[in-house]
N, C-alpha and C. Protein backbone atom coordinates (compact mmCIF):
# COMPACT_ATOMS: atom_id res chain seq x y z
N UNK A 1 119.04 104.18 111.12
CA UNK A 1 118.90 103.36 110.00
C UNK A 1 118.87 104.15 108.70
N UNK A 2 119.20 103.60 107.62
CA UNK A 2 119.20 104.27 106.28
C UNK A 2 117.71 104.47 105.86
N UNK A 3 117.39 105.56 105.19
CA UNK A 3 116.06 105.83 104.70
C UNK A 3 115.61 104.63 103.87
N UNK A 4 114.35 104.39 103.89
CA UNK A 4 113.73 103.36 103.09
C UNK A 4 113.78 103.71 101.60
N UNK A 5 114.22 102.73 100.87
CA UNK A 5 114.38 102.95 99.42
C UNK A 5 113.04 102.56 98.75
N UNK A 6 112.44 103.51 98.12
CA UNK A 6 111.08 103.30 97.47
C UNK A 6 111.07 103.37 96.01
N UNK A 7 110.53 102.45 95.29
CA UNK A 7 110.24 102.46 93.93
C UNK A 7 108.72 102.66 93.76
N UNK A 8 108.34 103.56 92.94
CA UNK A 8 106.86 103.84 92.64
C UNK A 8 106.58 103.50 91.20
N UNK A 9 105.51 102.69 90.97
CA UNK A 9 105.02 102.43 89.67
C UNK A 9 103.72 103.12 89.35
N UNK A 10 103.66 103.86 88.17
CA UNK A 10 102.50 104.62 87.82
C UNK A 10 102.15 104.37 86.37
N UNK A 11 100.89 104.78 86.01
CA UNK A 11 100.43 104.78 84.69
C UNK A 11 99.78 106.12 84.30
N UNK A 12 99.54 106.96 85.18
CA UNK A 12 98.76 108.20 84.96
C UNK A 12 99.28 109.42 85.61
N UNK A 13 98.38 110.19 86.13
CA UNK A 13 98.62 111.56 86.63
C UNK A 13 99.52 111.51 87.88
N UNK A 14 99.52 110.56 88.67
CA UNK A 14 100.43 110.43 89.75
C UNK A 14 100.14 111.34 90.97
N UNK A 15 98.86 111.46 91.22
CA UNK A 15 98.54 112.30 92.34
C UNK A 15 98.85 111.68 93.76
N UNK A 16 98.75 110.39 93.76
CA UNK A 16 99.22 109.68 95.00
C UNK A 16 100.72 109.69 95.07
N UNK A 17 101.35 109.56 94.02
CA UNK A 17 102.80 109.75 93.94
C UNK A 17 103.22 111.04 94.54
N UNK A 18 102.45 112.11 94.10
CA UNK A 18 102.84 113.50 94.58
C UNK A 18 102.66 113.54 96.13
N UNK A 19 101.57 112.93 96.59
CA UNK A 19 101.40 112.99 98.08
C UNK A 19 102.59 112.30 98.76
N UNK A 20 103.08 111.18 98.23
CA UNK A 20 104.14 110.49 98.87
C UNK A 20 105.47 111.38 98.73
N UNK A 21 105.65 111.96 97.54
CA UNK A 21 106.85 112.83 97.36
C UNK A 21 106.77 113.94 98.40
N UNK A 22 105.66 114.58 98.63
CA UNK A 22 105.55 115.66 99.59
C UNK A 22 105.95 115.19 100.97
N UNK A 23 105.43 114.00 101.38
CA UNK A 23 105.69 113.48 102.68
C UNK A 23 107.20 113.10 102.92
N UNK A 24 107.80 112.67 101.86
CA UNK A 24 109.22 112.29 101.94
C UNK A 24 110.03 113.66 102.03
N UNK A 25 109.68 114.64 101.25
CA UNK A 25 110.38 115.91 101.27
C UNK A 25 110.29 116.63 102.67
N UNK A 26 109.10 116.53 103.25
CA UNK A 26 108.93 117.19 104.58
C UNK A 26 109.59 116.42 105.73
N UNK A 27 110.01 115.19 105.44
CA UNK A 27 110.66 114.30 106.44
C UNK A 27 109.71 113.46 107.26
N UNK A 28 108.43 113.64 106.90
CA UNK A 28 107.41 112.81 107.55
C UNK A 28 107.61 111.26 107.31
N UNK A 29 107.92 111.01 106.03
CA UNK A 29 108.34 109.60 105.65
C UNK A 29 109.87 109.60 105.58
N UNK A 30 110.43 108.63 106.35
CA UNK A 30 111.90 108.50 106.40
C UNK A 30 112.20 107.52 105.17
N UNK A 31 112.10 108.16 104.04
CA UNK A 31 112.33 107.39 102.75
C UNK A 31 112.78 108.18 101.63
N UNK A 32 113.41 107.55 100.66
CA UNK A 32 113.85 108.14 99.41
C UNK A 32 113.23 107.45 98.25
N UNK A 33 112.48 108.17 97.38
CA UNK A 33 112.02 107.56 96.13
C UNK A 33 113.12 107.50 95.15
N UNK A 34 113.60 106.30 94.90
CA UNK A 34 114.81 106.10 94.16
C UNK A 34 114.53 105.97 92.61
N UNK A 35 113.25 105.70 92.28
CA UNK A 35 112.87 105.60 90.85
C UNK A 35 111.35 105.62 90.79
N UNK A 36 110.86 106.26 89.74
CA UNK A 36 109.44 106.17 89.27
C UNK A 36 109.41 105.54 87.90
N UNK A 37 108.72 104.45 87.79
CA UNK A 37 108.62 103.70 86.65
C UNK A 37 107.19 103.72 86.10
N UNK A 38 107.08 103.95 84.74
CA UNK A 38 105.73 104.01 84.18
C UNK A 38 105.71 103.12 82.92
N UNK A 39 104.54 102.57 82.63
CA UNK A 39 104.35 101.80 81.34
C UNK A 39 103.86 102.77 80.21
N UNK A 40 103.65 104.06 80.60
CA UNK A 40 103.19 105.07 79.63
C UNK A 40 104.09 106.28 79.63
N UNK A 41 104.66 106.58 78.44
CA UNK A 41 105.62 107.61 78.31
C UNK A 41 104.97 109.01 78.60
N UNK A 42 103.66 109.11 78.39
CA UNK A 42 103.00 110.48 78.58
C UNK A 42 102.36 110.56 79.95
N UNK A 43 102.59 109.65 80.93
CA UNK A 43 102.08 109.76 82.28
C UNK A 43 102.56 111.05 82.93
N UNK A 44 101.65 111.84 83.38
CA UNK A 44 102.02 113.13 84.04
C UNK A 44 102.85 112.89 85.35
N UNK A 45 102.61 111.74 85.89
CA UNK A 45 103.40 111.38 87.08
C UNK A 45 104.89 111.43 86.91
N UNK A 46 105.37 111.16 85.64
CA UNK A 46 106.78 111.24 85.32
C UNK A 46 107.24 112.70 85.52
N UNK A 47 106.39 113.64 85.06
CA UNK A 47 106.78 115.07 85.20
C UNK A 47 106.88 115.40 86.63
N UNK A 48 105.91 114.95 87.43
CA UNK A 48 105.98 115.23 88.94
C UNK A 48 107.28 114.73 89.49
N UNK A 49 107.69 113.52 89.05
CA UNK A 49 108.95 113.04 89.58
C UNK A 49 110.20 113.81 89.14
N UNK A 50 110.18 114.22 87.89
CA UNK A 50 111.30 114.92 87.38
C UNK A 50 111.38 116.32 88.02
N UNK A 51 110.31 116.90 88.42
CA UNK A 51 110.33 118.17 89.10
C UNK A 51 110.94 118.00 90.52
N UNK A 52 110.82 116.78 91.12
CA UNK A 52 111.38 116.48 92.38
C UNK A 52 112.78 115.86 92.31
N UNK A 53 113.30 115.90 91.08
CA UNK A 53 114.67 115.34 90.89
C UNK A 53 114.73 113.85 91.19
N UNK A 54 113.65 113.13 90.81
CA UNK A 54 113.61 111.68 91.05
C UNK A 54 113.85 111.01 89.70
N UNK A 55 114.70 110.07 89.66
CA UNK A 55 114.96 109.32 88.33
C UNK A 55 113.70 108.62 87.87
N UNK A 56 113.48 108.71 86.57
CA UNK A 56 112.30 108.08 86.01
C UNK A 56 112.74 107.05 84.86
N UNK A 57 111.85 106.08 84.66
CA UNK A 57 112.03 105.09 83.62
C UNK A 57 110.76 104.80 82.99
N UNK A 58 110.71 104.51 81.69
CA UNK A 58 109.53 104.16 80.95
C UNK A 58 109.78 102.72 80.35
N UNK A 59 108.85 101.85 80.70
CA UNK A 59 108.95 100.47 80.08
C UNK A 59 107.50 100.26 79.53
N UNK A 60 107.44 100.45 78.24
CA UNK A 60 106.08 100.26 77.56
C UNK A 60 105.72 98.77 77.36
N UNK A 61 104.56 98.50 77.79
CA UNK A 61 104.10 97.10 77.69
C UNK A 61 103.87 96.77 76.18
N UNK A 62 103.74 97.73 75.35
CA UNK A 62 103.48 97.51 73.92
C UNK A 62 104.72 96.91 73.22
N UNK A 63 105.88 96.98 73.86
CA UNK A 63 107.06 96.50 73.29
C UNK A 63 107.30 95.05 73.59
N UNK A 64 106.35 94.42 74.32
CA UNK A 64 106.50 92.99 74.77
C UNK A 64 105.37 92.23 74.25
N UNK A 65 105.61 90.97 73.92
CA UNK A 65 104.59 90.06 73.27
C UNK A 65 103.82 89.29 74.30
N UNK A 66 104.15 89.39 75.59
CA UNK A 66 103.41 88.72 76.65
C UNK A 66 103.51 89.50 77.99
N UNK A 67 102.58 89.25 78.78
CA UNK A 67 102.60 89.83 80.14
C UNK A 67 103.79 89.29 80.91
N UNK A 68 104.11 88.05 80.65
CA UNK A 68 105.22 87.48 81.43
C UNK A 68 106.57 88.08 80.98
N UNK A 69 106.78 88.31 79.71
CA UNK A 69 107.97 88.92 79.28
C UNK A 69 108.11 90.33 79.77
N UNK A 70 106.98 91.09 79.85
CA UNK A 70 107.03 92.41 80.36
C UNK A 70 107.40 92.44 81.83
N UNK A 71 106.75 91.59 82.59
CA UNK A 71 106.98 91.55 84.06
C UNK A 71 108.36 91.08 84.35
N UNK A 72 108.92 90.25 83.53
CA UNK A 72 110.32 89.80 83.85
C UNK A 72 111.28 90.88 83.68
N UNK A 73 111.06 91.75 82.62
CA UNK A 73 111.97 92.96 82.45
C UNK A 73 111.68 93.93 83.51
N UNK A 74 110.44 94.14 83.91
CA UNK A 74 110.05 95.08 84.95
C UNK A 74 110.68 94.70 86.27
N UNK A 75 110.69 93.46 86.60
CA UNK A 75 111.39 92.90 87.83
C UNK A 75 112.84 93.31 87.83
N UNK A 76 113.49 93.08 86.73
CA UNK A 76 114.90 93.44 86.61
C UNK A 76 115.21 94.91 86.86
N UNK A 77 114.33 95.69 86.32
CA UNK A 77 114.47 97.12 86.54
C UNK A 77 114.25 97.49 88.03
N UNK A 78 113.19 96.92 88.61
CA UNK A 78 112.93 97.32 89.96
C UNK A 78 114.04 96.78 90.85
N UNK A 79 114.51 95.58 90.56
CA UNK A 79 115.62 94.96 91.32
C UNK A 79 116.92 95.79 91.29
N UNK A 80 117.12 96.42 90.15
CA UNK A 80 118.35 97.17 90.02
C UNK A 80 118.39 98.41 90.89
N UNK A 81 117.18 98.81 91.38
CA UNK A 81 117.09 99.99 92.25
C UNK A 81 117.24 99.53 93.72
N UNK A 82 117.33 98.25 93.96
CA UNK A 82 117.49 97.73 95.34
C UNK A 82 116.49 98.36 96.34
N UNK A 83 115.21 98.12 96.04
CA UNK A 83 114.18 98.77 96.85
C UNK A 83 113.85 98.04 98.18
N UNK A 84 113.48 98.75 99.18
CA UNK A 84 112.92 98.18 100.40
C UNK A 84 111.41 98.06 100.27
N UNK A 85 110.78 98.93 99.37
CA UNK A 85 109.35 99.01 99.23
C UNK A 85 109.07 99.32 97.76
N UNK A 86 108.02 98.67 97.23
CA UNK A 86 107.46 98.94 95.88
C UNK A 86 106.05 99.41 96.07
N UNK A 87 105.80 100.64 95.56
CA UNK A 87 104.47 101.27 95.76
C UNK A 87 103.76 101.36 94.36
N UNK A 88 102.62 100.74 94.24
CA UNK A 88 101.78 100.82 93.06
C UNK A 88 100.87 102.04 93.24
N UNK A 89 101.04 103.08 92.44
CA UNK A 89 100.24 104.28 92.59
C UNK A 89 99.46 104.59 91.25
N UNK A 90 98.46 103.78 90.96
CA UNK A 90 97.78 103.92 89.75
C UNK A 90 98.47 103.28 88.56
N UNK A 91 99.04 102.18 88.93
CA UNK A 91 99.71 101.31 87.85
C UNK A 91 98.69 100.40 87.31
N UNK A 92 98.26 100.62 86.09
CA UNK A 92 97.07 99.98 85.54
C UNK A 92 97.42 98.71 84.81
N UNK A 93 98.09 97.86 85.53
CA UNK A 93 98.36 96.49 84.91
C UNK A 93 98.19 95.42 86.00
N UNK A 94 97.64 94.31 85.56
CA UNK A 94 97.60 93.19 86.46
C UNK A 94 98.96 92.51 86.44
N UNK A 95 99.51 92.30 87.65
CA UNK A 95 100.82 91.71 87.76
C UNK A 95 100.83 90.19 87.71
N UNK A 96 101.91 89.55 87.08
CA UNK A 96 102.03 88.16 87.01
C UNK A 96 102.35 87.65 88.39
N UNK A 97 101.98 86.38 88.78
CA UNK A 97 102.31 85.84 90.05
C UNK A 97 103.82 85.86 90.37
N UNK A 98 104.57 85.65 89.38
CA UNK A 98 106.08 85.62 89.60
C UNK A 98 106.60 86.95 90.14
N UNK A 99 106.11 88.00 89.46
CA UNK A 99 106.49 89.38 89.97
C UNK A 99 106.00 89.62 91.35
N UNK A 100 104.77 89.27 91.64
CA UNK A 100 104.21 89.52 92.97
C UNK A 100 105.06 88.72 94.00
N UNK A 101 105.28 87.50 93.68
CA UNK A 101 106.03 86.67 94.64
C UNK A 101 107.41 87.24 94.88
N UNK A 102 108.08 87.82 93.95
CA UNK A 102 109.40 88.34 94.08
C UNK A 102 109.46 89.44 95.12
N UNK A 103 108.41 90.28 95.15
CA UNK A 103 108.31 91.42 96.09
C UNK A 103 107.24 91.31 97.13
N UNK A 104 106.88 90.12 97.38
CA UNK A 104 105.74 89.90 98.42
C UNK A 104 106.23 90.33 99.73
N UNK A 105 105.32 91.08 100.38
CA UNK A 105 105.61 91.63 101.71
C UNK A 105 106.23 93.00 101.72
N UNK A 106 106.62 93.40 100.51
CA UNK A 106 107.15 94.77 100.32
C UNK A 106 106.61 95.49 99.12
N UNK A 107 105.38 95.10 98.78
CA UNK A 107 104.70 95.81 97.66
C UNK A 107 103.30 96.25 98.21
N UNK A 108 103.00 97.45 97.95
CA UNK A 108 101.73 98.02 98.37
C UNK A 108 100.93 98.55 97.21
N UNK A 109 99.58 98.53 97.38
CA UNK A 109 98.72 99.12 96.37
C UNK A 109 97.60 99.83 97.06
N UNK A 110 96.99 100.88 96.37
CA UNK A 110 95.83 101.49 96.86
C UNK A 110 94.66 101.31 95.90
N UNK A 111 93.49 101.03 96.49
CA UNK A 111 92.36 100.70 95.59
C UNK A 111 91.21 101.53 96.07
N UNK A 112 90.48 102.09 95.06
CA UNK A 112 89.33 102.99 95.45
C UNK A 112 88.02 102.30 95.83
N UNK A 113 88.10 101.54 96.85
CA UNK A 113 86.87 100.89 97.35
C UNK A 113 87.18 100.47 98.86
N UNK A 114 86.09 100.22 99.51
CA UNK A 114 86.27 99.47 100.88
C UNK A 114 86.35 98.02 100.65
N UNK A 115 87.57 97.55 100.34
CA UNK A 115 87.78 96.10 100.12
C UNK A 115 87.21 95.26 101.36
N UNK A 116 86.65 94.10 101.06
CA UNK A 116 86.66 93.37 99.79
C UNK A 116 85.63 93.79 98.78
N UNK A 117 84.84 94.79 99.02
CA UNK A 117 83.83 95.29 98.03
C UNK A 117 84.57 95.82 96.81
N UNK A 118 83.94 95.56 95.62
CA UNK A 118 84.31 96.26 94.44
C UNK A 118 85.73 96.15 94.01
N UNK A 119 86.27 94.99 93.95
CA UNK A 119 87.56 94.70 93.34
C UNK A 119 87.43 95.03 91.84
N UNK A 120 88.55 95.46 91.28
CA UNK A 120 88.56 95.75 89.83
C UNK A 120 88.22 97.25 89.56
N UNK A 121 87.51 97.45 88.44
CA UNK A 121 87.34 98.81 87.92
C UNK A 121 85.95 99.34 88.23
N UNK A 122 85.81 100.68 87.95
CA UNK A 122 84.45 101.39 88.00
C UNK A 122 83.97 101.37 89.38
N UNK A 123 84.71 101.41 90.41
CA UNK A 123 84.26 101.16 91.76
C UNK A 123 83.31 102.26 92.21
N UNK A 124 83.47 103.50 91.76
CA UNK A 124 82.55 104.66 92.26
C UNK A 124 81.18 104.46 91.80
N UNK A 125 81.01 104.17 90.50
CA UNK A 125 79.73 103.91 89.96
C UNK A 125 79.07 102.73 90.60
N UNK A 126 79.85 101.69 90.78
CA UNK A 126 79.26 100.49 91.39
C UNK A 126 78.69 100.70 92.80
N UNK A 127 79.44 101.53 93.51
CA UNK A 127 78.95 101.78 94.94
C UNK A 127 77.69 102.66 94.84
N UNK A 128 77.64 103.61 93.94
CA UNK A 128 76.39 104.41 93.77
C UNK A 128 75.23 103.50 93.39
N UNK A 129 75.49 102.61 92.39
CA UNK A 129 74.42 101.82 91.89
C UNK A 129 73.84 100.79 92.90
N UNK A 130 74.73 100.45 93.83
CA UNK A 130 74.32 99.54 94.92
C UNK A 130 73.63 100.26 96.12
N UNK A 131 73.52 101.66 96.00
CA UNK A 131 72.89 102.39 97.03
C UNK A 131 73.60 102.25 98.37
N UNK A 132 74.93 102.14 98.32
CA UNK A 132 75.71 102.04 99.50
C UNK A 132 75.65 103.39 100.21
N UNK A 133 75.79 103.35 101.55
CA UNK A 133 75.87 104.55 102.35
C UNK A 133 77.26 105.15 102.41
N UNK A 134 78.27 104.25 102.31
CA UNK A 134 79.64 104.68 102.29
C UNK A 134 80.44 104.02 101.20
N UNK A 135 81.46 104.74 100.78
CA UNK A 135 82.47 104.36 99.79
C UNK A 135 83.79 104.70 100.41
N UNK A 136 84.92 104.44 99.69
CA UNK A 136 86.20 104.84 100.30
C UNK A 136 87.34 104.23 99.57
N UNK A 137 88.56 104.16 100.26
CA UNK A 137 89.72 103.68 99.71
C UNK A 137 90.40 102.70 100.68
N UNK A 138 91.21 101.81 100.12
CA UNK A 138 91.98 100.89 100.91
C UNK A 138 93.37 100.75 100.47
N UNK A 139 94.38 100.79 101.46
CA UNK A 139 95.70 100.42 101.08
C UNK A 139 95.92 99.00 101.51
N UNK A 140 96.51 98.18 100.69
CA UNK A 140 96.79 96.80 100.99
C UNK A 140 98.07 96.28 100.42
N UNK A 141 98.59 95.25 101.07
CA UNK A 141 99.76 94.51 100.48
C UNK A 141 99.29 93.75 99.22
N UNK A 142 100.18 93.61 98.31
CA UNK A 142 99.89 93.01 96.97
C UNK A 142 100.11 91.54 97.13
N UNK A 143 99.09 90.78 96.70
CA UNK A 143 99.27 89.28 96.55
C UNK A 143 98.78 88.91 95.18
N UNK A 144 98.83 87.61 94.91
CA UNK A 144 98.43 87.13 93.58
C UNK A 144 96.95 87.41 93.29
N UNK A 145 96.13 87.51 94.29
CA UNK A 145 94.70 87.79 94.01
C UNK A 145 94.45 89.33 93.78
N UNK A 146 93.89 89.62 92.68
CA UNK A 146 93.75 91.04 92.33
C UNK A 146 92.94 91.73 93.41
N UNK A 147 93.61 92.76 93.95
CA UNK A 147 92.88 93.68 95.02
C UNK A 147 92.52 92.80 96.21
N UNK A 148 93.31 91.68 96.44
CA UNK A 148 92.86 90.79 97.45
C UNK A 148 93.80 90.61 98.63
N UNK A 149 94.95 91.38 98.60
CA UNK A 149 95.92 91.19 99.72
C UNK A 149 95.46 91.77 101.00
N UNK A 150 96.24 91.53 102.05
CA UNK A 150 95.82 92.01 103.39
C UNK A 150 95.69 93.57 103.43
N UNK A 151 94.54 94.03 103.91
CA UNK A 151 94.28 95.41 104.03
C UNK A 151 95.02 96.02 105.24
N UNK A 152 95.63 97.17 105.07
CA UNK A 152 96.31 97.86 106.16
C UNK A 152 95.44 99.01 106.67
N UNK A 153 94.99 99.89 105.88
CA UNK A 153 94.17 101.03 106.22
C UNK A 153 93.03 101.22 105.26
N UNK A 154 91.87 101.63 105.75
CA UNK A 154 90.71 102.07 104.97
C UNK A 154 90.28 103.45 105.44
N UNK A 155 89.76 104.26 104.57
CA UNK A 155 89.09 105.51 104.81
C UNK A 155 87.75 105.53 104.15
N UNK A 156 86.70 105.90 104.91
CA UNK A 156 85.35 105.93 104.34
C UNK A 156 84.96 107.40 103.96
N UNK A 157 84.19 107.53 103.05
CA UNK A 157 83.51 108.77 102.66
C UNK A 157 82.06 108.46 102.45
N UNK A 158 81.20 109.39 102.90
CA UNK A 158 79.71 109.18 102.63
C UNK A 158 79.38 109.34 101.15
N UNK A 159 78.41 108.60 100.69
CA UNK A 159 77.82 108.74 99.42
C UNK A 159 76.65 109.71 99.51
N UNK A 160 76.70 110.88 98.98
CA UNK A 160 75.64 111.83 99.10
C UNK A 160 74.59 111.75 98.03
N UNK A 161 73.43 112.32 98.31
CA UNK A 161 72.33 112.28 97.29
C UNK A 161 72.75 112.97 96.03
N UNK A 162 72.49 112.46 94.91
CA UNK A 162 72.79 113.01 93.59
C UNK A 162 74.32 112.99 93.33
N UNK A 163 75.11 112.29 94.04
CA UNK A 163 76.54 112.04 93.71
C UNK A 163 76.66 111.54 92.33
N UNK A 164 77.57 112.02 91.47
CA UNK A 164 78.01 111.31 90.30
C UNK A 164 79.32 110.57 90.73
N UNK A 165 79.73 109.63 89.72
CA UNK A 165 80.92 108.92 89.96
C UNK A 165 82.05 109.79 90.19
N UNK A 166 82.11 110.91 89.41
CA UNK A 166 83.22 111.93 89.48
C UNK A 166 83.20 112.69 90.80
N UNK A 167 82.05 112.98 91.27
CA UNK A 167 81.93 113.73 92.63
C UNK A 167 82.56 112.82 93.63
N UNK A 168 82.13 111.54 93.58
CA UNK A 168 82.56 110.60 94.66
C UNK A 168 84.09 110.31 94.51
N UNK A 169 84.56 110.17 93.32
CA UNK A 169 85.98 109.97 93.02
C UNK A 169 86.79 111.07 93.63
N UNK A 170 86.34 112.37 93.52
CA UNK A 170 87.17 113.45 94.04
C UNK A 170 87.31 113.32 95.58
N UNK A 171 86.25 113.03 96.22
CA UNK A 171 86.27 112.93 97.68
C UNK A 171 87.15 111.64 98.10
N UNK A 172 87.03 110.62 97.40
CA UNK A 172 87.82 109.40 97.73
C UNK A 172 89.31 109.75 97.44
N UNK A 173 89.66 110.53 96.37
CA UNK A 173 91.05 110.86 96.16
C UNK A 173 91.65 111.64 97.28
N UNK A 174 90.93 112.48 97.91
CA UNK A 174 91.41 113.29 98.97
C UNK A 174 91.78 112.39 100.06
N UNK A 175 91.03 111.31 100.35
CA UNK A 175 91.30 110.41 101.40
C UNK A 175 92.58 109.54 101.06
N UNK A 176 92.66 109.20 99.77
CA UNK A 176 93.82 108.39 99.27
C UNK A 176 95.14 109.11 99.60
N UNK A 177 95.10 110.44 99.45
CA UNK A 177 96.32 111.24 99.59
C UNK A 177 96.64 111.40 101.03
N UNK A 178 95.83 110.96 101.95
CA UNK A 178 96.11 110.94 103.36
C UNK A 178 96.63 109.52 103.78
N UNK A 179 95.85 108.54 103.37
CA UNK A 179 96.21 107.22 103.90
C UNK A 179 97.33 106.51 103.26
N UNK A 180 97.61 106.83 101.93
CA UNK A 180 98.76 106.13 101.33
C UNK A 180 100.08 106.60 101.92
N UNK A 181 100.35 107.92 102.08
CA UNK A 181 101.61 108.34 102.70
C UNK A 181 101.73 107.79 104.15
N UNK A 182 100.57 107.72 104.82
CA UNK A 182 100.50 107.17 106.15
C UNK A 182 101.06 105.74 106.24
N UNK A 183 100.57 104.88 105.32
CA UNK A 183 101.01 103.52 105.36
C UNK A 183 102.45 103.35 104.88
N UNK A 184 102.88 104.20 103.96
CA UNK A 184 104.31 104.20 103.56
C UNK A 184 105.21 104.68 104.74
N UNK A 185 104.72 105.67 105.56
CA UNK A 185 105.40 106.07 106.76
C UNK A 185 105.54 104.94 107.74
N UNK A 186 104.48 104.17 107.96
CA UNK A 186 104.51 103.12 108.88
C UNK A 186 105.55 102.05 108.46
N UNK A 187 105.50 101.81 107.16
CA UNK A 187 106.52 100.71 106.59
C UNK A 187 107.91 101.23 106.86
N UNK A 188 108.11 102.53 106.56
CA UNK A 188 109.50 103.10 106.69
C UNK A 188 109.95 103.13 108.10
N UNK A 189 109.02 103.13 109.03
CA UNK A 189 109.45 103.07 110.47
C UNK A 189 109.47 101.58 111.02
N UNK A 190 109.33 100.68 110.16
CA UNK A 190 109.48 99.23 110.46
C UNK A 190 108.38 98.82 111.50
N UNK A 191 107.21 99.45 111.37
CA UNK A 191 106.10 99.22 112.16
C UNK A 191 105.07 98.18 111.46
N UNK A 192 105.24 98.08 110.20
CA UNK A 192 104.27 97.36 109.37
C UNK A 192 104.93 96.23 108.65
N UNK A 193 104.41 95.04 108.69
CA UNK A 193 104.96 93.88 107.96
C UNK A 193 103.79 93.12 107.52
N UNK A 194 104.07 92.17 106.60
CA UNK A 194 103.05 91.16 106.19
C UNK A 194 103.55 89.78 106.61
N UNK A 195 102.70 89.08 107.27
CA UNK A 195 102.98 87.68 107.78
C UNK A 195 101.91 86.73 107.15
N UNK A 196 102.36 85.79 106.45
CA UNK A 196 101.51 84.82 105.78
C UNK A 196 100.36 85.60 104.99
N UNK A 197 99.20 85.59 105.47
CA UNK A 197 98.08 86.30 104.68
C UNK A 197 97.42 87.36 105.51
N UNK A 198 98.23 87.93 106.37
CA UNK A 198 97.64 89.12 107.09
C UNK A 198 98.70 90.20 107.36
N UNK A 199 98.27 91.37 107.60
CA UNK A 199 99.13 92.46 107.94
C UNK A 199 99.32 92.61 109.43
N UNK A 200 100.57 93.01 109.84
CA UNK A 200 100.94 93.19 111.27
C UNK A 200 101.38 94.61 111.44
N UNK A 201 100.84 95.30 112.47
CA UNK A 201 101.16 96.64 112.75
C UNK A 201 101.53 96.75 114.25
N UNK A 202 102.69 97.21 114.56
CA UNK A 202 103.14 97.32 115.90
C UNK A 202 103.06 95.97 116.56
N UNK A 203 103.38 94.95 115.91
CA UNK A 203 103.39 93.57 116.41
C UNK A 203 102.06 92.91 116.63
N UNK A 204 100.96 93.59 116.17
CA UNK A 204 99.63 93.03 116.27
C UNK A 204 98.98 92.81 115.02
N UNK A 205 98.43 91.63 114.79
CA UNK A 205 97.76 91.35 113.48
C UNK A 205 96.56 92.36 113.33
N UNK A 206 96.43 92.84 112.13
CA UNK A 206 95.36 93.77 111.89
C UNK A 206 94.09 92.98 111.43
N UNK A 207 92.95 93.53 111.76
CA UNK A 207 91.63 92.89 111.26
C UNK A 207 91.61 92.87 109.74
N UNK A 208 90.64 92.10 109.27
CA UNK A 208 90.56 91.85 107.79
C UNK A 208 90.42 93.18 106.97
N UNK A 209 89.81 94.18 107.60
CA UNK A 209 89.57 95.47 106.88
C UNK A 209 90.60 96.49 107.36
N UNK A 210 91.62 96.15 108.09
CA UNK A 210 92.69 97.08 108.46
C UNK A 210 92.25 98.04 109.51
N UNK A 211 93.05 99.18 109.54
CA UNK A 211 92.72 100.28 110.41
C UNK A 211 91.80 101.22 109.78
N UNK A 212 90.81 101.69 110.51
CA UNK A 212 89.85 102.69 109.93
C UNK A 212 90.43 104.04 110.28
N UNK A 213 90.81 104.71 109.16
CA UNK A 213 91.44 106.04 109.29
C UNK A 213 90.50 107.15 108.81
N UNK A 214 89.20 106.89 108.88
CA UNK A 214 88.23 107.81 108.44
C UNK A 214 88.33 109.11 109.30
C-alpha cells in the first residue's frame, strides 16, 4: 500500500510535529507528511518542516472576518493535499463543525490531560490545584465537541510534591512525543479507525479512556 498521506496543523514550536517527522524518517511510521499548515507565520514548527524538506503553508486567521470563512479556506487547502490523515499538533484554534465533519474519522488531536478531565486550557495548573495524583496526555479523534472525541491512547505522569505547571508540562511533553507517533503509526497500518462515537483498534472497540501507554 502507498504511504499514508499526512497533513499537520500547528500554531507553535511543533515539538510533536518533530516527533512525527522523526518516526516517518526512520520508517517506523509508513507515512509521508505532505504539508505542514500554520495559522502563524512565526511558528517554529514551520522551520522544523522546512529542515525536513516538507512543504509548508501559512493561513493567517487575521485575514478572515469569521471563523467559518477561515475554516472554509483551510478545508480547501487541506483537501488540495489529498490527505489520509490530518494531525492537529498544537493548532490553537477551535474548529467549526463543518470542518470537523469533512475530515471526521481521519483527524487526530493531542491534549495535555487525562481526558475527560480538564478539557480546554491551563490543564497542568488545574491538575495541580485539584491535588490530583496523576496528570498526563491523551490522543483522540476530533469531533465537534472540544477535546471530546474518542480517546485512543493516554499516558500518565505522577504529580510530584512542589511541582510547578512548567515542571509538569515538561514531563507530559515527553509522553506526548511517545504516544502521538504511536497513534499515527497505528493509523498508517490501518489498525485504527473511528466508528460512530468510539475508536476501534485491531477490530476491537477501545474503552472510553483508550489504551494506557504509561
